[in-house]
Amino acid sequence: MALTLNPEKRVPLLKNPSESHHLPVKTTKTHPTRPSSDPNADKAGIYFIGTATTILSWQGIKILTDPNFLHKGDHVHLGPGVTAERKTNPAVDIDHLPPLDCILLSHYHEDHFDRLVEDSLNRDFPIISTPDAKSCLTSSSKEEPFRNVHALDFFEGLTLPIVTGPTLSGKKPQIKVTGMPGEHVPPGPLSVANELLKAVPPTNGWLIELGYSSESGSTVNEEVGYRIYISGDTLFIDELKQIPEYLHGEKIDLMLVHLGGTTIPGPKMPLLMVTMDAKQGVQLLKLVDPDVTVPIHFDDYNVMLSPLEDFKKEISAAGLDERVVYLDRGDAYQFEVRGLL
């Protein structure tokens, strides 16, 4: 299964497109111990908008993750009787984004795909998400169903060839997206009850592999130049141990970890934690062992009860300070993709 990305034939993100804008980057950060000085390196980057909303940029392609563009004081619905209030503003508004190529949606939850986004998006814009999200987004019960949604279950992959004009040394750039395990509700009776009630939607993590393909006779060779793991809104569960097994010793270069210790039904009655807190985030870092970790999804809503400072303390206590880069909303992290030269 493939979805081709072509910067010259982009589908507009919005129903009513506005003029193109540049991202307002406050600070660009690089590897904490190996900053690059090679101007010819194959550069890529992550721009942090807020919550779990980021933009991955490489080879002229821009992929938007978990679009949430509500503002401070706005509310989202997270399940029966559960709402959350946004405490922050996004780094940029949805109508001030540059041209984009597709959306990577971890799950169909309003703090990751808010009502403003759903109402304003072009129904033909490509979205990669979970089977559950696809069934919701394309449902005939919707007044305007989405028409270009691709579903990936755990360990299912989708290759995104990039059309950029002439090949580079015979190599064609491509992005591969693979669904990774995630659980929003802890295992046990609560998970069983949630399966029946459908209160909290299923969620994916993602493995994003940036690389190249080349042809030698009838053989297609593929090489991965950079691996990004996005945890999604998961707890630290046994199923995550399948990720290192799936990689067969290959290294994760960058992990975007969803933190916050999101607790429902709310801060006044914190009964059930549904995203990792600081301690679980460090557990995941030790399990996946990425070269660099960037925490996201940590303080944007009032149901997030494990602040970033807790994670920083746990990281320092574990002696992992040089393995983590902290981004403010509006910051970017720039890195290099191997294999071009």
Protein backbone atom coordinates (compact mmCIF):
# COMPACT_ATOMS: atom_id res chain seq x y z
CA MET A 1 0.00 0.00 0.00
CA ALA A 2 1.46 3.40 -0.96
CA LEU A 3 0.58 7.08 -0.78
CA THR A 4 2.69 9.29 -3.03
CA LEU A 5 3.75 12.72 -1.78
CA ASN A 6 4.29 15.39 -4.41
CA PRO A 7 4.98 18.98 -3.27
CA GLU A 8 3.86 20.26 -6.67
CA LYS A 9 0.46 18.56 -6.47
CA ARG A 10 -0.53 19.12 -2.87
CA VAL A 11 -4.14 18.90 -1.76
CA PRO A 12 -5.02 22.08 0.20
CA LEU A 13 -5.25 21.48 3.94
CA LEU A 14 -8.33 23.65 4.46
CA LYS A 15 -11.70 23.92 2.77
CA ASN A 16 -11.03 27.62 2.38
CA PRO A 17 -7.28 27.88 1.83
CA SER A 18 -5.49 31.02 2.94
CA GLU A 19 -2.16 32.34 1.70
CA SER A 20 0.96 30.34 2.46
CA HIS A 21 2.95 31.24 5.59
CA HIS A 22 6.35 30.42 7.04
CA LEU A 23 6.55 28.76 10.44
CA PRO A 24 7.49 31.26 13.16
CA VAL A 25 10.56 29.46 14.54
CA LYS A 26 11.79 30.87 17.86
CA THR A 27 14.86 28.66 18.33
CA THR A 28 16.37 25.81 16.31
CA LYS A 29 18.08 23.17 18.41
CA THR A 30 20.37 20.35 17.30
CA HIS A 31 21.84 17.17 18.74
CA PRO A 32 22.88 17.82 22.37
CA THR A 33 26.38 16.39 21.93
CA ARG A 34 26.97 16.22 18.15
CA PRO A 35 26.02 19.53 16.50
CA SER A 36 26.52 19.45 12.73
CA SER A 37 28.59 21.92 10.77
CA ASP A 38 28.16 20.29 7.34
CA PRO A 39 26.10 22.66 5.14
CA ASN A 40 25.61 19.89 2.54
CA ALA A 41 24.08 17.38 4.96
CA ASP A 42 20.58 16.08 4.25
CA LYS A 43 18.67 18.13 6.83
CA ALA A 44 15.25 17.42 8.34
CA GLY A 45 13.42 18.83 11.33
CA ILE A 46 10.58 18.70 13.83
CA TYR A 47 8.65 21.87 14.68
CA PHE A 48 6.69 21.86 17.97
CA ILE A 49 3.30 23.61 17.83
CA GLY A 50 1.88 22.38 21.14
CA THR A 51 0.17 19.35 22.72
CA ALA A 52 1.06 16.47 20.34
CA THR A 53 0.96 18.76 17.30
CA THR A 54 4.23 18.90 15.38
CA ILE A 55 5.39 19.29 11.78
CA LEU A 56 7.99 16.91 10.35
CA SER A 57 9.87 18.46 7.41
CA TRP A 58 12.15 16.60 5.00
CA GLN A 59 12.87 16.73 1.26
CA GLY A 60 10.26 19.45 0.76
CA ILE A 61 7.58 17.35 2.49
CA LYS A 62 5.73 18.48 5.61
CA ILE A 63 3.71 16.04 7.75
CA LEU A 64 1.43 17.35 10.49
CA THR A 65 0.85 15.22 13.60
CA ASP A 66 -2.25 15.22 15.81
CA PRO A 67 -3.66 18.65 14.82
CA ASN A 68 -4.96 20.58 17.82
CA PHE A 69 -5.21 24.35 17.34
CA LEU A 70 -7.55 25.43 20.12
CA HIS A 71 -6.54 28.33 22.35
CA LYS A 72 -6.20 28.94 26.05
CA GLY A 73 -9.61 28.69 27.71
CA ASP A 74 -11.14 26.45 25.02
CA HIS A 75 -12.56 23.08 26.05
CA VAL A 76 -12.45 19.59 24.54
CA HIS A 77 -14.67 16.57 25.14
CA LEU A 78 -12.65 13.46 26.08
CA GLY A 79 -15.42 10.97 26.84
CA PRO A 80 -18.73 10.62 28.69
CA GLY A 81 -18.79 13.40 31.29
CA VAL A 82 -15.11 14.24 30.75
CA THR A 83 -13.95 17.63 29.47
CA ALA A 84 -10.61 19.41 29.60
CA GLU A 85 -9.62 23.06 29.39
CA ARG A 86 -6.67 24.21 27.32
CA LYS A 87 -4.08 26.15 29.32
CA THR A 88 -1.81 27.25 26.45
CA ASN A 89 -1.92 28.66 22.92
CA PRO A 90 -0.47 26.89 19.87
CA ALA A 91 2.70 28.33 18.36
CA VAL A 92 0.82 29.00 15.13
CA ASP A 93 -2.84 28.96 14.07
CA ILE A 94 -4.17 26.47 11.56
CA ASP A 95 -4.79 29.14 8.90
CA HIS A 96 -1.17 30.34 9.18
CA LEU A 97 0.49 27.04 8.32
CA PRO A 98 2.72 26.47 5.29
CA PRO A 99 1.53 24.00 2.61
CA LEU A 100 1.35 20.47 4.05
CA ASP A 101 1.30 16.97 2.57
CA CYS A 102 -0.54 14.71 5.02
CA ILE A 103 -1.70 14.29 8.61
CA LEU A 104 -0.54 11.56 10.99
CA LEU A 105 -3.31 11.10 13.57
CA SER A 106 -2.60 8.83 16.56
CA HIS A 107 -6.28 8.55 17.54
CA TYR A 108 -9.65 10.23 17.21
CA HIS A 109 -9.73 12.34 20.38
CA GLU A 110 -10.56 16.06 20.53
CA ASP A 111 -7.26 17.08 22.11
CA HIS A 112 -5.56 15.56 19.04
CA PHE A 113 -8.16 16.38 16.37
CA ASP A 114 -10.31 19.20 17.67
CA ARG A 115 -13.66 20.46 16.39
CA LEU A 116 -12.05 23.49 14.74
CA VAL A 117 -9.77 21.16 12.78
CA GLU A 118 -12.53 18.75 11.83
CA ASP A 119 -14.83 21.53 10.65
CA SER A 120 -12.20 23.34 8.59
CA LEU A 121 -10.23 20.53 6.93
CA ASN A 122 -10.50 19.72 3.24
CA ARG A 123 -12.18 16.30 3.06
CA ASP A 124 -9.68 15.14 0.40
CA PHE A 125 -6.58 15.93 2.45
CA PRO A 126 -4.60 12.70 3.19
CA ILE A 127 -4.84 11.38 6.75
CA ILE A 128 -3.04 8.32 8.16
CA SER A 129 -4.58 7.00 11.36
CA THR A 130 -6.02 3.99 13.21
CA PRO A 131 -8.77 1.71 11.89
CA ASP A 132 -11.09 3.15 14.55
CA ALA A 133 -10.35 6.74 13.51
CA LYS A 134 -10.88 5.87 9.85
CA SER A 135 -14.30 4.41 10.60
CA CYS A 136 -15.23 7.59 12.48
CA LEU A 137 -13.84 10.03 9.92
CA THR A 138 -15.35 8.28 6.91
CA SER A 139 -18.69 7.38 8.50
CA SER A 140 -21.74 8.00 6.31
CA SER A 141 -23.43 9.44 9.38
CA LYS A 142 -21.19 12.49 9.11
CA GLU A 143 -22.52 15.45 7.19
CA GLU A 144 -19.19 15.59 5.35
CA PRO A 145 -17.20 12.33 5.57
CA PHE A 146 -13.46 12.41 4.92
CA ARG A 147 -12.47 10.75 1.65
CA ASN A 148 -8.71 10.14 1.88
CA VAL A 149 -8.05 8.27 5.14
CA HIS A 150 -5.52 5.43 5.36
CA ALA A 151 -5.75 3.04 8.33
CA LEU A 152 -2.77 1.29 9.93
CA ASP A 153 -3.01 -1.25 12.72
CA PHE A 154 -0.07 -2.25 14.93
CA PHE A 155 2.99 -3.16 12.80
CA GLU A 156 1.22 -2.38 9.53
CA GLY A 157 3.24 -0.11 7.26
CA LEU A 158 2.55 2.45 4.55
CA THR A 159 5.25 3.64 2.15
CA LEU A 160 5.14 7.26 1.02
CA PRO A 161 7.32 7.77 -2.08
CA ILE A 162 8.35 11.41 -2.53
CA VAL A 163 8.23 13.01 -5.96
CA THR A 164 10.96 15.66 -5.95
CA GLY A 165 12.07 15.79 -9.59
CA PRO A 166 15.41 14.19 -10.58
CA THR A 167 16.65 11.35 -8.39
CA LEU A 168 19.62 12.02 -6.11
CA SER A 169 22.55 9.77 -7.06
CA GLY A 170 19.97 7.30 -8.33
CA LYS A 171 18.18 7.35 -4.97
CA LYS A 172 14.51 8.23 -4.57
CA PRO A 173 13.46 9.64 -1.18
CA GLN A 174 10.63 7.94 0.66
CA ILE A 175 8.98 7.89 4.05
CA LYS A 176 7.62 4.72 5.64
CA VAL A 177 5.04 4.96 8.43
CA THR A 178 4.34 1.91 10.61
CA GLY A 179 1.74 1.63 13.37
CA MET A 180 3.20 0.86 16.80
CA PRO A 181 1.43 -0.52 19.90
CA GLY A 182 -0.31 1.78 22.34
CA GLU A 183 -2.97 1.56 25.05
CA HIS A 184 -4.84 4.60 26.35
CA VAL A 185 -6.55 2.64 29.15
CA PRO A 186 -4.68 0.37 31.60
CA PRO A 187 -5.11 -3.39 31.09
CA GLY A 188 -7.68 -5.22 33.18
CA PRO A 189 -11.37 -4.65 33.98
CA LEU A 190 -11.25 -0.97 32.94
CA SER A 191 -9.94 -1.91 29.52
CA VAL A 192 -12.66 -4.53 29.11
CA ALA A 193 -15.31 -2.00 30.15
CA ASN A 194 -13.89 0.54 27.71
CA GLU A 195 -14.09 -1.99 24.88
CA LEU A 196 -17.84 -2.20 25.53
CA LEU A 197 -18.51 1.49 26.17
CA LYS A 198 -16.12 2.87 23.52
CA ALA A 199 -15.44 5.81 25.85
CA VAL A 200 -11.72 6.21 25.08
CA PRO A 201 -10.63 5.48 21.48
CA PRO A 202 -7.83 3.07 20.48
CA THR A 203 -4.50 4.74 19.85
CA ASN A 204 -1.37 4.11 17.79
CA GLY A 205 2.23 4.96 18.23
CA TRP A 206 4.22 5.48 15.03
CA LEU A 207 7.55 4.49 13.56
CA ILE A 208 8.58 6.93 10.83
CA GLU A 209 11.51 5.90 8.67
CA LEU A 210 13.12 8.50 6.41
CA GLY A 211 15.22 6.96 3.67
CA TYR A 212 15.81 6.14 0.04
CA SER A 213 15.04 3.47 -2.51
CA SER A 214 17.14 2.64 -5.55
CA GLU A 215 16.85 0.09 -8.33
CA SER A 216 19.49 -2.39 -9.44
CA GLY A 217 18.09 -4.39 -12.33
CA SER A 218 14.86 -5.92 -11.06
CA THR A 219 15.86 -5.44 -7.42
CA VAL A 220 14.65 -2.50 -5.34
CA ASN A 221 17.03 -1.59 -2.53
CA GLU A 222 15.83 0.41 0.46
CA GLU A 223 17.94 2.13 3.07
CA VAL A 224 16.76 3.91 6.19
CA GLY A 225 18.57 7.12 7.03
CA TYR A 226 16.69 8.15 10.17
CA ARG A 227 14.11 6.55 12.47
CA ILE A 228 11.57 8.49 14.52
CA TYR A 229 9.34 6.81 17.10
CA ILE A 230 6.27 8.72 18.30
CA SER A 231 4.79 7.08 21.39
CA GLY A 232 1.22 8.32 20.98
CA ASP A 233 -1.09 8.56 23.99
CA THR A 234 -0.06 5.28 25.54
CA LEU A 235 0.72 4.06 29.02
CA PHE A 236 3.85 2.00 29.69
CA ILE A 237 2.46 -1.44 28.86
CA ASP A 238 4.00 -4.85 28.14
CA GLU A 239 3.09 -4.58 24.44
CA LEU A 240 5.68 -1.80 24.04
CA LYS A 241 8.39 -4.45 24.50
CA GLN A 242 7.49 -5.64 20.99
CA ILE A 243 9.00 -2.45 19.52
CA PRO A 244 12.70 -3.31 20.11
CA GLU A 245 11.90 -6.86 18.95
CA TYR A 246 10.36 -5.50 15.73
CA LEU A 247 13.47 -3.40 15.06
CA HIS A 248 15.87 -6.38 15.32
CA GLY A 249 18.63 -4.27 16.81
CA GLU A 250 18.16 -1.24 14.55
CA LYS A 251 18.46 2.10 16.37
CA ILE A 252 15.77 4.69 17.02
CA ASP A 253 17.31 8.09 16.29
CA LEU A 254 14.58 10.29 17.78
CA MET A 255 11.65 9.62 20.10
CA LEU A 256 8.76 12.04 20.56
CA VAL A 257 7.21 10.94 23.83
CA HIS A 258 3.67 11.89 24.91
CA LEU A 259 3.74 12.65 28.63
CA GLY A 260 1.55 14.68 30.99
CA GLY A 261 0.10 11.91 33.14
CA THR A 262 -3.32 12.77 31.72
CA THR A 263 -5.84 11.84 34.38
CA ILE A 264 -9.61 11.54 34.01
CA PRO A 265 -12.28 12.51 34.77
CA GLY A 266 -10.35 15.63 35.80
CA PRO A 267 -7.93 17.38 38.17
CA LYS A 268 -10.51 17.51 40.99
CA MET A 269 -11.16 13.76 40.72
CA PRO A 270 -8.00 12.13 39.30
CA LEU A 271 -9.15 8.52 39.14
CA LEU A 272 -7.59 7.07 36.00
CA MET A 273 -4.28 7.94 34.31
CA VAL A 274 -4.41 7.48 30.52
CA THR A 275 -1.03 8.83 29.31
CA MET A 276 2.45 8.32 30.70
CA ASP A 277 3.69 10.36 33.61
CA ALA A 278 7.34 11.27 34.18
CA LYS A 279 8.37 7.89 35.63
CA GLN A 280 6.75 5.93 32.82
CA GLY A 281 8.33 8.24 30.26
CA VAL A 282 11.79 7.39 31.60
CA GLN A 283 10.87 3.69 31.57
CA LEU A 284 9.99 3.99 27.88
CA LEU A 285 13.23 5.84 27.12
CA LYS A 286 15.23 3.03 28.73
CA LEU A 287 13.23 0.40 26.83
CA VAL A 288 13.34 1.95 23.36
CA ASP A 289 16.81 3.49 23.88
CA PRO A 290 16.57 6.32 21.33
CA ASP A 291 19.57 8.47 20.54
CA VAL A 292 17.57 11.60 21.40
CA THR A 293 14.19 12.11 23.09
CA VAL A 294 11.94 15.15 22.77
CA PRO A 295 9.01 15.31 25.22
CA ILE A 296 5.67 16.66 23.93
CA HIS A 297 2.05 16.58 25.19
CA PHE A 298 2.90 17.57 28.76
CA ASP A 299 1.07 20.68 29.98
CA ASP A 300 -1.47 21.96 27.46
CA TYR A 301 -4.64 20.79 29.27
CA ASN A 302 -5.72 20.92 32.88
CA VAL A 303 -6.06 17.12 33.01
CA MET A 304 -2.29 16.76 32.56
CA LEU A 305 -1.09 16.34 36.12
CA SER A 306 2.55 15.29 35.58
CA PRO A 307 4.37 18.49 34.51
CA LEU A 308 7.52 18.65 32.42
CA GLU A 309 9.57 19.56 35.50
CA ASP A 310 8.82 16.09 36.92
CA PHE A 311 10.21 14.50 33.75
CA LYS A 312 13.32 16.69 33.89
CA LYS A 313 13.96 15.58 37.48
CA GLU A 314 13.53 11.90 36.58
CA ILE A 315 15.84 12.30 33.57
CA SER A 316 18.53 13.96 35.70
CA ALA A 317 18.21 11.28 38.38
CA ALA A 318 18.71 8.61 35.71
CA GLY A 319 21.78 10.40 34.30
CA LEU A 320 20.14 10.91 30.90
CA ASP A 321 20.32 14.70 30.53
CA GLU A 322 22.48 14.51 27.37
CA ARG A 323 19.90 12.26 25.68
CA VAL A 324 16.98 14.73 25.88
CA VAL A 325 16.19 17.96 24.01
CA TYR A 326 13.46 20.21 25.40
CA LEU A 327 11.41 22.30 22.98
CA ASP A 328 9.14 25.20 23.79
CA ARG A 329 6.14 25.79 21.56
CA GLY A 330 7.57 27.43 18.43
CA ASP A 331 10.98 25.73 18.71
CA ALA A 332 12.41 23.32 16.13
CA TYR A 333 14.80 20.38 16.36
CA GLN A 334 17.02 19.91 13.29
CA PHE A 335 18.73 16.63 12.43
CA GLU A 336 20.52 14.89 9.56
CA VAL A 337 19.31 11.95 7.49
CA ARG A 338 22.00 9.46 6.54
CA GLY A 339 22.46 7.84 3.15
CA LEU A 340 22.35 10.65 0.60
CA LEU A 341 26.10 11.06 0.10
